[in-house]
Amino acid sequence: MSFFSIIIPLYNKEKFIEATLKSVFSQTFVDFEVIIVNDGSTDNSEQKVLQYTDSRIRYYLKENGGVSTARNFGISLANSNYITFLDADDYWYPDFLQVMFTNIQSFSAEQVFSAAIEIESLKQVYNAKYSVQQTKETEIVDYFDASRQETIICTSCAVFKKTVFDKIGVFDESIRSGEDTDLWIRIGLAYKVVFCKTILARYVFDSESLSRNKKYSTVKMNFSKFKNEELKHAGLKRFLDLNRFSLAIKSKINRDEQSFQKFYDAIDKHNLGYKKRLLLLIPSFILQKMVRFQYKMTDWGLVSSPFK
């Protein structure tokens, strides 16, 4: 049995999948299986994958059902005790798996492991910014306290013991945008995270991603499932309010007043800085201009997200 199961959900990434797979097979740690789940691609993604004949690859084609269905299908097929995901347009640096293996051995009582990432925008590559204050290269942190800026768990730069999914469940397939955040919250409530501040992966910023697609703007997380937990957990409440702020801004930009009001009313404004509180009061047409400018800044690596 391999030490790691690598799950790659694939949907119309013919331009990226070869670089992603190259990063996998360039790993210095080689005891792994690769589960590629083609979620009904309509481009040449399949042909790109089938060029690889490595015996560690297990390739599956399914009808399109969304990235959560693809990841969950991969989890169900995984033979290893440790599972890691890699999106089909991201890639790892060669020592990703080796560092994760070393941290698993060093922190054997823990079950969730992650590392820092860098972000490739249209114009620049820049480091993600984290709120964690680390004195060591690797240490155990609280997910919510460490994720006030960027989340310390990125889908393409984390490893989970398989029993984690037995305890807290898998990706919520009813969520079409924000499904990863939903899972990280459930993980953060149950586990600490072993976080390595070394950059081990690159996230490719996709201007056509679902988070920018108005089609999915209202198919978001249902924060009400955490209603009881956030009453008792100040870190979770602050984390959720920061996410509500982002969703409220997106809703206002899309002129979805009902969704905006829902998110706005649920925010404890003390959890937001004065700039964020001011943004919530700005008319939508001004916000649209501001966000277009912020997207340009994101492309240049000057900010990590227009909604933070």
C-alpha atoms as a PDB file:
ATOM      1  CA  MET A   1       0.000   0.000   0.000  1.00  0.00           C
ATOM      2  CA  SER A   2       1.331   3.445  -0.942  1.00  0.00           C
ATOM      3  CA  PHE A   3       1.945   6.006   1.779  1.00  0.00           C
ATOM      4  CA  PHE A   4       0.016   8.793   0.010  1.00  0.00           C
ATOM      5  CA  SER A   5      -3.076   8.800  -2.187  1.00  0.00           C
ATOM      6  CA  ILE A   6      -2.982  11.852  -4.469  1.00  0.00           C
ATOM      7  CA  ILE A   7      -6.428  12.856  -5.744  1.00  0.00           C
ATOM      8  CA  ILE A   8      -6.581  15.088  -8.827  1.00  0.00           C
ATOM      9  CA  PRO A   9     -10.060  16.276  -9.916  1.00  0.00           C
ATOM     10  CA  LEU A  10      -9.957  17.123 -13.604  1.00  0.00           C
ATOM     11  CA  TYR A  11     -12.344  19.246 -15.619  1.00  0.00           C
ATOM     12  CA  ASN A  12     -11.297  21.010 -18.833  1.00  0.00           C
ATOM     13  CA  LYS A  13      -7.707  21.674 -17.810  1.00  0.00           C
ATOM     14  CA  GLU A  14      -5.914  20.569 -20.967  1.00  0.00           C
ATOM     15  CA  LYS A  15      -3.615  23.603 -20.770  1.00  0.00           C
ATOM     16  CA  PHE A  16      -2.493  22.826 -17.229  1.00  0.00           C
ATOM     17  CA  ILE A  17      -2.712  19.114 -16.441  1.00  0.00           C
ATOM     18  CA  GLU A  18       0.661  18.189 -17.951  1.00  0.00           C
ATOM     19  CA  ALA A  19       2.513  20.665 -15.718  1.00  0.00           C
ATOM     20  CA  THR A  20       0.514  19.436 -12.726  1.00  0.00           C
ATOM     21  CA  LEU A  21       1.387  15.798 -13.379  1.00  0.00           C
ATOM     22  CA  LYS A  22       5.004  16.682 -14.061  1.00  0.00           C
ATOM     23  CA  SER A  23       5.174  18.206 -10.566  1.00  0.00           C
ATOM     24  CA  VAL A  24       3.767  14.985  -9.109  1.00  0.00           C
ATOM     25  CA  PHE A  25       6.257  12.712 -10.842  1.00  0.00           C
ATOM     26  CA  SER A  26       9.108  15.048  -9.939  1.00  0.00           C
ATOM     27  CA  GLN A  27       8.573  14.443  -6.221  1.00  0.00           C
ATOM     28  CA  THR A  28      11.598  13.280  -4.246  1.00  0.00           C
ATOM     29  CA  PHE A  29       9.278  11.067  -2.185  1.00  0.00           C
ATOM     30  CA  VAL A  30       7.917   8.420  -4.544  1.00  0.00           C
ATOM     31  CA  ASP A  31       5.679   6.127  -2.467  1.00  0.00           C
ATOM     32  CA  PHE A  32       2.286   7.265  -3.721  1.00  0.00           C
ATOM     33  CA  GLU A  33      -0.670   6.448  -5.939  1.00  0.00           C
ATOM     34  CA  VAL A  34      -2.333   9.012  -8.205  1.00  0.00           C
ATOM     35  CA  ILE A  35      -6.121   8.952  -8.564  1.00  0.00           C
ATOM     36  CA  ILE A  36      -7.229  11.162 -11.459  1.00  0.00           C
ATOM     37  CA  VAL A  37     -10.974  11.747 -11.618  1.00  0.00           C
ATOM     38  CA  ASN A  38     -12.052  13.238 -14.944  1.00  0.00           C
ATOM     39  CA  ASP A  39     -15.315  15.010 -14.125  1.00  0.00           C
ATOM     40  CA  GLY A  40     -16.732  14.889 -17.644  1.00  0.00           C
ATOM     41  CA  SER A  41     -14.182  17.086 -19.419  1.00  0.00           C
ATOM     42  CA  THR A  42     -15.140  18.215 -22.910  1.00  0.00           C
ATOM     43  CA  ASP A  43     -11.668  19.315 -24.015  1.00  0.00           C
ATOM     44  CA  ASN A  44      -8.491  17.268 -24.570  1.00  0.00           C
ATOM     45  CA  SER A  45      -7.775  16.705 -20.867  1.00  0.00           C
ATOM     46  CA  GLU A  46      -8.197  12.945 -21.181  1.00  0.00           C
ATOM     47  CA  GLN A  47      -5.726  12.682 -24.048  1.00  0.00           C
ATOM     48  CA  LYS A  48      -3.153  14.625 -22.031  1.00  0.00           C
ATOM     49  CA  VAL A  49      -3.521  12.245 -19.088  1.00  0.00           C
ATOM     50  CA  LEU A  50      -3.420   9.068 -21.165  1.00  0.00           C
ATOM     51  CA  GLN A  51       0.029  10.029 -22.421  1.00  0.00           C
ATOM     52  CA  TYR A  52       1.324   8.982 -18.995  1.00  0.00           C
ATOM     53  CA  THR A  53       1.927   5.260 -18.481  1.00  0.00           C
ATOM     54  CA  ASP A  54       3.195   5.335 -14.910  1.00  0.00           C
ATOM     55  CA  SER A  55       1.771   2.346 -13.017  1.00  0.00           C
ATOM     56  CA  ARG A  56       0.949   4.552 -10.039  1.00  0.00           C
ATOM     57  CA  ILE A  57      -1.811   6.320 -11.991  1.00  0.00           C
ATOM     58  CA  ARG A  58      -5.436   5.230 -11.595  1.00  0.00           C
ATOM     59  CA  TYR A  59      -7.623   7.077 -14.083  1.00  0.00           C
ATOM     60  CA  TYR A  60     -11.421   7.355 -13.892  1.00  0.00           C
ATOM     61  CA  LEU A  61     -13.950   9.116 -16.100  1.00  0.00           C
ATOM     62  CA  LYS A  62     -17.339  10.127 -14.682  1.00  0.00           C
ATOM     63  CA  GLU A  63     -20.243  12.337 -15.643  1.00  0.00           C
ATOM     64  CA  ASN A  64     -19.836  15.957 -14.681  1.00  0.00           C
ATOM     65  CA  GLY A  65     -21.038  16.557 -11.143  1.00  0.00           C
ATOM     66  CA  GLY A  66     -18.753  19.254  -9.802  1.00  0.00           C
ATOM     67  CA  VAL A  67     -15.389  19.255  -8.088  1.00  0.00           C
ATOM     68  CA  SER A  68     -16.783  17.999  -4.767  1.00  0.00           C
ATOM     69  CA  THR A  69     -18.188  14.856  -6.378  1.00  0.00           C
ATOM     70  CA  ALA A  70     -14.836  14.235  -8.067  1.00  0.00           C
ATOM     71  CA  ARG A  71     -12.858  14.677  -4.845  1.00  0.00           C
ATOM     72  CA  ASN A  72     -15.279  12.531  -2.854  1.00  0.00           C
ATOM     73  CA  PHE A  73     -15.123   9.820  -5.491  1.00  0.00           C
ATOM     74  CA  GLY A  74     -11.347   9.904  -5.186  1.00  0.00           C
ATOM     75  CA  ILE A  75     -11.536   9.634  -1.396  1.00  0.00           C
ATOM     76  CA  SER A  76     -13.715   6.538  -1.718  1.00  0.00           C
ATOM     77  CA  LEU A  77     -11.093   4.920  -3.956  1.00  0.00           C
ATOM     78  CA  ALA A  78      -8.021   5.858  -1.922  1.00  0.00           C
ATOM     79  CA  ASN A  79      -5.962   2.929  -0.621  1.00  0.00           C
ATOM     80  CA  SER A  80      -3.515   4.939   1.475  1.00  0.00           C
ATOM     81  CA  ASN A  81      -3.794   6.122   5.067  1.00  0.00           C
ATOM     82  CA  TYR A  82      -2.870   9.669   4.036  1.00  0.00           C
ATOM     83  CA  ILE A  83      -4.775  11.624   1.385  1.00  0.00           C
ATOM     84  CA  THR A  84      -3.712  14.753  -0.446  1.00  0.00           C
ATOM     85  CA  PHE A  85      -5.431  16.722  -3.204  1.00  0.00           C
ATOM     86  CA  LEU A  86      -3.947  18.594  -6.134  1.00  0.00           C
ATOM     87  CA  ASP A  87      -6.083  20.703  -8.439  1.00  0.00           C
ATOM     88  CA  ALA A  88      -5.388  20.131 -12.120  1.00  0.00           C
ATOM     89  CA  ASP A  89      -4.015  23.629 -12.690  1.00  0.00           C
ATOM     90  CA  ASP A  90      -1.820  23.856  -9.577  1.00  0.00           C
ATOM     91  CA  TYR A  91       1.508  22.211  -8.900  1.00  0.00           C
ATOM     92  CA  TRP A  92       3.888  21.141  -6.158  1.00  0.00           C
ATOM     93  CA  TYR A  93       7.539  21.807  -5.598  1.00  0.00           C
ATOM     94  CA  PRO A  94       9.641  18.615  -5.620  1.00  0.00           C
ATOM     95  CA  ASP A  95       9.912  18.254  -1.839  1.00  0.00           C
ATOM     96  CA  PHE A  96       6.208  18.659  -1.006  1.00  0.00           C
ATOM     97  CA  LEU A  97       5.552  15.008  -0.231  1.00  0.00           C
ATOM     98  CA  GLN A  98       8.910  14.539   1.502  1.00  0.00           C
ATOM     99  CA  VAL A  99       8.263  17.466   3.863  1.00  0.00           C
ATOM    100  CA  MET A 100       4.758  16.190   4.568  1.00  0.00           C
ATOM    101  CA  PHE A 101       6.094  12.704   5.263  1.00  0.00           C
ATOM    102  CA  THR A 102       8.712  14.125   7.641  1.00  0.00           C
ATOM    103  CA  ASN A 103       6.095  16.197   9.484  1.00  0.00           C
ATOM    104  CA  ILE A 104       3.781  13.211   9.769  1.00  0.00           C
ATOM    105  CA  GLN A 105       6.598  11.278  11.413  1.00  0.00           C
ATOM    106  CA  SER A 106       7.536  14.201  13.680  1.00  0.00           C
ATOM    107  CA  PHE A 107       3.951  15.001  14.737  1.00  0.00           C
ATOM    108  CA  SER A 108       2.569  11.481  14.785  1.00  0.00           C
ATOM    109  CA  ALA A 109      -0.380  12.331  17.049  1.00  0.00           C
ATOM    110  CA  GLU A 110      -1.754  14.890  14.543  1.00  0.00           C
ATOM    111  CA  GLN A 111      -3.921  14.208  11.506  1.00  0.00           C
ATOM    112  CA  VAL A 112      -3.982  17.415   9.423  1.00  0.00           C
ATOM    113  CA  PHE A 113      -0.862  18.845   7.773  1.00  0.00           C
ATOM    114  CA  SER A 114      -0.401  21.870   5.520  1.00  0.00           C
ATOM    115  CA  ALA A 115       2.170  24.305   4.172  1.00  0.00           C
ATOM    116  CA  ALA A 116       2.409  27.789   2.717  1.00  0.00           C
ATOM    117  CA  ILE A 117       1.650  28.478  -0.917  1.00  0.00           C
ATOM    118  CA  GLU A 118       2.486  31.062  -3.519  1.00  0.00           C
ATOM    119  CA  ILE A 119      -0.073  32.465  -5.924  1.00  0.00           C
ATOM    120  CA  GLU A 120       0.390  32.894  -9.657  1.00  0.00           C
ATOM    121  CA  SER A 121      -1.684  35.756 -11.006  1.00  0.00           C
ATOM    122  CA  LEU A 122      -1.824  37.077 -14.546  1.00  0.00           C
ATOM    123  CA  LYS A 123       1.216  39.307 -14.056  1.00  0.00           C
ATOM    124  CA  GLN A 124       3.048  38.177 -10.930  1.00  0.00           C
ATOM    125  CA  VAL A 125       3.849  35.340  -8.537  1.00  0.00           C
ATOM    126  CA  TYR A 126       3.531  36.337  -4.889  1.00  0.00           C
ATOM    127  CA  ASN A 127       3.462  34.688  -1.488  1.00  0.00           C
ATOM    128  CA  ALA A 128       0.205  34.123   0.349  1.00  0.00           C
ATOM    129  CA  LYS A 129      -0.027  36.129   3.569  1.00  0.00           C
ATOM    130  CA  TYR A 130      -0.974  34.346   6.769  1.00  0.00           C
ATOM    131  CA  SER A 131      -1.983  35.598  10.198  1.00  0.00           C
ATOM    132  CA  VAL A 132      -0.070  32.835  11.953  1.00  0.00           C
ATOM    133  CA  GLN A 133       2.866  34.102  14.025  1.00  0.00           C
ATOM    134  CA  GLN A 134       5.389  31.306  13.802  1.00  0.00           C
ATOM    135  CA  THR A 135       8.667  31.092  15.680  1.00  0.00           C
ATOM    136  CA  LYS A 136       9.479  27.677  14.209  1.00  0.00           C
ATOM    137  CA  GLU A 137       9.566  26.321  10.682  1.00  0.00           C
ATOM    138  CA  THR A 138       6.723  23.926  11.498  1.00  0.00           C
ATOM    139  CA  GLU A 139       4.315  24.008  14.412  1.00  0.00           C
ATOM    140  CA  ILE A 140       0.803  23.130  15.513  1.00  0.00           C
ATOM    141  CA  VAL A 141      -1.719  25.961  15.081  1.00  0.00           C
ATOM    142  CA  ASP A 142      -5.419  26.672  15.482  1.00  0.00           C
ATOM    143  CA  TYR A 143      -7.032  26.829  12.043  1.00  0.00           C
ATOM    144  CA  PHE A 144      -9.262  29.850  12.713  1.00  0.00           C
ATOM    145  CA  ASP A 145      -6.652  32.007  14.454  1.00  0.00           C
ATOM    146  CA  ALA A 146      -4.108  31.228  11.734  1.00  0.00           C
ATOM    147  CA  SER A 147      -6.500  31.898   8.825  1.00  0.00           C
ATOM    148  CA  ARG A 148      -7.594  35.495   9.373  1.00  0.00           C
ATOM    149  CA  GLN A 149      -5.876  36.499   6.134  1.00  0.00           C
ATOM    150  CA  GLU A 150      -5.341  33.479   3.884  1.00  0.00           C
ATOM    151  CA  THR A 151      -6.583  30.043   4.848  1.00  0.00           C
ATOM    152  CA  ILE A 152      -3.724  27.871   6.069  1.00  0.00           C
ATOM    153  CA  ILE A 153      -5.359  24.846   4.436  1.00  0.00           C
ATOM    154  CA  CYS A 154      -5.251  25.022   0.659  1.00  0.00           C
ATOM    155  CA  THR A 155      -6.741  22.154  -1.323  1.00  0.00           C
ATOM    156  CA  SER A 156      -3.497  21.745  -3.257  1.00  0.00           C
ATOM    157  CA  CYS A 157      -1.131  21.983  -0.288  1.00  0.00           C
ATOM    158  CA  ALA A 158      -2.424  19.820   2.546  1.00  0.00           C
ATOM    159  CA  VAL A 159      -2.446  16.198   3.715  1.00  0.00           C
ATOM    160  CA  PHE A 160      -5.148  14.489   5.758  1.00  0.00           C
ATOM    161  CA  LYS A 161      -5.153  11.199   7.561  1.00  0.00           C
ATOM    162  CA  LYS A 162      -7.955   9.180   5.998  1.00  0.00           C
ATOM    163  CA  THR A 163      -9.724   8.826   9.350  1.00  0.00           C
ATOM    164  CA  VAL A 164     -10.389  12.594   9.282  1.00  0.00           C
ATOM    165  CA  PHE A 165     -13.049  12.052   6.623  1.00  0.00           C
ATOM    166  CA  ASP A 166     -14.550   9.192   8.606  1.00  0.00           C
ATOM    167  CA  LYS A 167     -15.041  11.560  11.541  1.00  0.00           C
ATOM    168  CA  ILE A 168     -16.120  14.857   9.979  1.00  0.00           C
ATOM    169  CA  GLY A 169     -17.377  13.762   6.557  1.00  0.00           C
ATOM    170  CA  VAL A 170     -16.296  14.706   3.044  1.00  0.00           C
ATOM    171  CA  PHE A 171     -16.922  17.675   0.723  1.00  0.00           C
ATOM    172  CA  ASP A 172     -20.513  18.935   0.758  1.00  0.00           C
ATOM    173  CA  GLU A 173     -21.714  18.240  -2.793  1.00  0.00           C
ATOM    174  CA  SER A 174     -24.625  20.670  -2.457  1.00  0.00           C
ATOM    175  CA  ILE A 175     -22.175  23.604  -2.335  1.00  0.00           C
ATOM    176  CA  ARG A 176     -20.930  24.700  -5.759  1.00  0.00           C
ATOM    177  CA  SER A 177     -18.616  27.456  -4.538  1.00  0.00           C
ATOM    178  CA  GLY A 178     -17.002  27.471  -1.117  1.00  0.00           C
ATOM    179  CA  GLU A 179     -17.135  23.717  -0.604  1.00  0.00           C
ATOM    180  CA  ASP A 180     -13.517  23.668   0.518  1.00  0.00           C
ATOM    181  CA  THR A 181     -14.102  26.382   3.145  1.00  0.00           C
ATOM    182  CA  ASP A 182     -17.015  24.371   4.515  1.00  0.00           C
ATOM    183  CA  LEU A 183     -14.763  21.343   4.946  1.00  0.00           C
ATOM    184  CA  TRP A 184     -11.921  23.357   6.502  1.00  0.00           C
ATOM    185  CA  ILE A 185     -14.339  24.738   9.093  1.00  0.00           C
ATOM    186  CA  ARG A 186     -15.451  21.260  10.074  1.00  0.00           C
ATOM    187  CA  ILE A 187     -11.825  20.157  10.236  1.00  0.00           C
ATOM    188  CA  GLY A 188     -10.838  23.236  12.261  1.00  0.00           C
ATOM    189  CA  LEU A 189     -13.494  22.465  14.846  1.00  0.00           C
ATOM    190  CA  ALA A 190     -12.155  18.952  15.336  1.00  0.00           C
ATOM    191  CA  TYR A 191      -8.399  19.152  14.728  1.00  0.00           C
ATOM    192  CA  LYS A 192      -5.327  21.327  15.092  1.00  0.00           C
ATOM    193  CA  VAL A 193      -3.193  21.829  11.979  1.00  0.00           C
ATOM    194  CA  VAL A 194       0.517  21.136  11.584  1.00  0.00           C
ATOM    195  CA  PHE A 195       1.555  24.122   9.460  1.00  0.00           C
ATOM    196  CA  CYS A 196       4.896  24.488   7.665  1.00  0.00           C
ATOM    197  CA  LYS A 197       5.760  28.039   6.625  1.00  0.00           C
ATOM    198  CA  THR A 198       7.928  26.860   3.720  1.00  0.00           C
ATOM    199  CA  ILE A 199       6.255  27.426   0.349  1.00  0.00           C
ATOM    200  CA  LEU A 200       5.655  23.988  -1.144  1.00  0.00           C
ATOM    201  CA  ALA A 201       2.983  24.591  -3.799  1.00  0.00           C
ATOM    202  CA  ARG A 202       1.769  27.132  -6.309  1.00  0.00           C
ATOM    203  CA  TYR A 203      -1.885  28.058  -6.700  1.00  0.00           C
ATOM    204  CA  VAL A 204      -2.743  29.348 -10.167  1.00  0.00           C
ATOM    205  CA  PHE A 205      -5.166  32.272  -9.944  1.00  0.00           C
ATOM    206  CA  ASP A 206      -7.862  31.605 -12.557  1.00  0.00           C
ATOM    207  CA  SER A 207      -9.792  34.655 -13.726  1.00  0.00           C
ATOM    208  CA  GLU A 208     -12.579  32.354 -14.928  1.00  0.00           C
ATOM    209  CA  SER A 209     -12.970  30.517 -11.619  1.00  0.00           C
ATOM    210  CA  LEU A 210     -16.368  29.852 -10.078  1.00  0.00           C
ATOM    211  CA  SER A 211     -15.792  32.513  -7.432  1.00  0.00           C
ATOM    212  CA  ARG A 212     -16.060  35.146 -10.180  1.00  0.00           C
ATOM    213  CA  ASN A 213     -18.943  33.506 -11.994  1.00  0.00           C
ATOM    214  CA  LYS A 214     -22.277  35.153 -11.279  1.00  0.00           C
ATOM    215  CA  LYS A 215     -24.007  31.861 -12.076  1.00  0.00           C
ATOM    216  CA  TYR A 216     -22.800  30.506  -8.733  1.00  0.00           C
ATOM    217  CA  SER A 217     -22.932  33.713  -6.715  1.00  0.00           C
ATOM    218  CA  THR A 218     -25.923  32.555  -4.660  1.00  0.00           C
ATOM    219  CA  VAL A 219     -24.999  28.858  -4.447  1.00  0.00           C
ATOM    220  CA  LYS A 220     -22.860  29.436  -1.394  1.00  0.00           C
ATOM    221  CA  MET A 221     -22.142  27.927   1.958  1.00  0.00           C
ATOM    222  CA  ASN A 222     -24.956  27.600   4.437  1.00  0.00           C
ATOM    223  CA  PHE A 223     -23.335  29.069   7.526  1.00  0.00           C
ATOM    224  CA  SER A 224     -26.407  28.198   9.578  1.00  0.00           C
ATOM    225  CA  LYS A 225     -25.027  24.679  10.034  1.00  0.00           C
ATOM    226  CA  PHE A 226     -22.410  26.261  12.332  1.00  0.00           C
ATOM    227  CA  LYS A 227     -24.913  28.374  14.278  1.00  0.00           C
ATOM    228  CA  ASN A 228     -24.402  26.615  17.596  1.00  0.00           C
ATOM    229  CA  GLU A 229     -20.627  26.301  17.237  1.00  0.00           C
ATOM    230  CA  GLU A 230     -20.032  29.978  16.504  1.00  0.00           C
ATOM    231  CA  LEU A 231     -21.901  30.978  19.655  1.00  0.00           C
ATOM    232  CA  LYS A 232     -19.280  29.111  21.676  1.00  0.00           C
ATOM    233  CA  HIS A 233     -16.182  29.625  19.521  1.00  0.00           C
ATOM    234  CA  ALA A 234     -14.984  33.229  19.118  1.00  0.00           C
ATOM    235  CA  GLY A 235     -12.367  32.252  16.535  1.00  0.00           C
ATOM    236  CA  LEU A 236     -14.956  30.529  14.378  1.00  0.00           C
ATOM    237  CA  LYS A 237     -17.345  33.493  14.697  1.00  0.00           C
ATOM    238  CA  ARG A 238     -14.634  35.905  13.536  1.00  0.00           C
ATOM    239  CA  PHE A 239     -13.672  33.583  10.676  1.00  0.00           C
ATOM    240  CA  LEU A 240     -17.295  33.248   9.536  1.00  0.00           C
ATOM    241  CA  ASP A 241     -17.848  36.996   9.729  1.00  0.00           C
ATOM    242  CA  LEU A 242     -14.865  37.596   7.455  1.00  0.00           C
ATOM    243  CA  ASN A 243     -16.369  35.120   4.982  1.00  0.00           C
ATOM    244  CA  ARG A 244     -19.790  36.752   5.340  1.00  0.00           C
ATOM    245  CA  PHE A 245     -18.172  40.087   4.553  1.00  0.00           C
ATOM    246  CA  SER A 246     -16.755  38.676   1.292  1.00  0.00           C
ATOM    247  CA  LEU A 247     -20.101  37.164   0.335  1.00  0.00           C
ATOM    248  CA  ALA A 248     -21.971  40.357   1.241  1.00  0.00           C
ATOM    249  CA  ILE A 249     -19.671  42.386  -1.026  1.00  0.00           C
ATOM    250  CA  LYS A 250     -20.101  39.899  -3.871  1.00  0.00           C
ATOM    251  CA  SER A 251     -23.867  39.969  -3.404  1.00  0.00           C
ATOM    252  CA  LYS A 252     -23.963  43.761  -3.494  1.00  0.00           C
ATOM    253  CA  ILE A 253     -21.824  43.826  -6.643  1.00  0.00           C
ATOM    254  CA  ASN A 254     -24.271  41.408  -8.278  1.00  0.00           C
ATOM    255  CA  ARG A 255     -27.172  43.575  -7.027  1.00  0.00           C
ATOM    256  CA  ASP A 256     -28.530  40.683  -5.018  1.00  0.00           C
ATOM    257  CA  GLU A 257     -29.941  42.750  -2.168  1.00  0.00           C
ATOM    258  CA  GLN A 258     -31.644  39.836  -0.437  1.00  0.00           C
ATOM    259  CA  SER A 259     -28.413  37.852  -0.110  1.00  0.00           C
ATOM    260  CA  PHE A 260     -26.475  40.975   0.854  1.00  0.00           C
ATOM    261  CA  GLN A 261     -28.863  41.724   3.702  1.00  0.00           C
ATOM    262  CA  LYS A 262     -28.735  38.134   4.937  1.00  0.00           C
ATOM    263  CA  PHE A 263     -24.953  38.141   5.186  1.00  0.00           C
ATOM    264  CA  TYR A 264     -24.777  41.731   6.482  1.00  0.00           C
ATOM    265  CA  ASP A 265     -27.249  41.138   9.308  1.00  0.00           C
ATOM    266  CA  ALA A 266     -25.343  38.072  10.537  1.00  0.00           C
ATOM    267  CA  ILE A 267     -22.005  39.901  10.900  1.00  0.00           C
ATOM    268  CA  ASP A 268     -20.759  41.115  14.248  1.00  0.00           C
ATOM    269  CA  LYS A 269     -19.287  44.378  12.955  1.00  0.00           C
ATOM    270  CA  HIS A 270     -16.690  44.356  15.772  1.00  0.00           C
ATOM    271  CA  ASN A 271     -15.010  41.488  13.915  1.00  0.00           C
ATOM    272  CA  LEU A 272     -14.347  43.762  10.926  1.00  0.00           C
ATOM    273  CA  GLY A 273     -11.875  46.588  10.531  1.00  0.00           C
ATOM    274  CA  TYR A 274     -13.198  50.064   9.781  1.00  0.00           C
ATOM    275  CA  LYS A 275     -12.344  49.770   6.065  1.00  0.00           C
ATOM    276  CA  LYS A 276     -14.462  46.647   5.703  1.00  0.00           C
ATOM    277  CA  ARG A 277     -17.326  48.242   7.624  1.00  0.00           C
ATOM    278  CA  LEU A 278     -17.155  51.231   5.282  1.00  0.00           C
ATOM    279  CA  LEU A 279     -17.148  49.028   2.171  1.00  0.00           C
ATOM    280  CA  LEU A 280     -20.399  47.431   3.264  1.00  0.00           C
ATOM    281  CA  LEU A 281     -22.073  50.859   3.134  1.00  0.00           C
ATOM    282  CA  ILE A 282     -20.826  51.873  -0.329  1.00  0.00           C
ATOM    283  CA  PRO A 283     -23.352  51.797  -3.226  1.00  0.00           C
ATOM    284  CA  SER A 284     -23.059  48.852  -5.587  1.00  0.00           C
ATOM    285  CA  PHE A 285     -22.061  50.856  -8.682  1.00  0.00           C
ATOM    286  CA  ILE A 286     -19.075  52.316  -6.835  1.00  0.00           C
ATOM    287  CA  LEU A 287     -18.140  48.888  -5.494  1.00  0.00           C
ATOM    288  CA  GLN A 288     -18.128  47.471  -9.009  1.00  0.00           C
ATOM    289  CA  LYS A 289     -15.555  50.044 -10.100  1.00  0.00           C
ATOM    290  CA  MET A 290     -13.470  49.472  -6.987  1.00  0.00           C
ATOM    291  CA  VAL A 291     -13.452  45.700  -7.456  1.00  0.00           C
ATOM    292  CA  ARG A 292     -12.404  45.981 -11.101  1.00  0.00           C
ATOM    293  CA  PHE A 293      -9.457  48.023  -9.891  1.00  0.00           C
ATOM    294  CA  GLN A 294      -8.743  45.499  -7.127  1.00  0.00           C
ATOM    295  CA  TYR A 295      -8.725  42.649  -9.635  1.00  0.00           C
ATOM    296  CA  LYS A 296      -6.043  44.469 -11.573  1.00  0.00           C
ATOM    297  CA  MET A 297      -4.058  44.833  -8.360  1.00  0.00           C
ATOM    298  CA  THR A 298      -4.527  41.118  -7.690  1.00  0.00           C
ATOM    299  CA  ASP A 299      -3.215  40.295 -11.143  1.00  0.00           C
ATOM    300  CA  TRP A 300      -0.131  42.337 -10.310  1.00  0.00           C
ATOM    301  CA  GLY A 301       0.274  40.603  -6.949  1.00  0.00           C
ATOM    302  CA  LEU A 302      -0.373  43.766  -4.935  1.00  0.00           C
ATOM    303  CA  VAL A 303      -3.308  42.229  -3.058  1.00  0.00           C
ATOM    304  CA  SER A 304      -4.229  38.577  -2.545  1.00  0.00           C
ATOM    305  CA  SER A 305      -7.956  38.992  -3.135  1.00  0.00           C
ATOM    306  CA  PRO A 306     -10.378  41.815  -3.915  1.00  0.00           C
ATOM    307  CA  PHE A 307     -12.668  40.546  -1.161  1.00  0.00           C
ATOM    308  CA  LYS A 308     -10.216  40.548   1.794  1.00  0.00           C
END
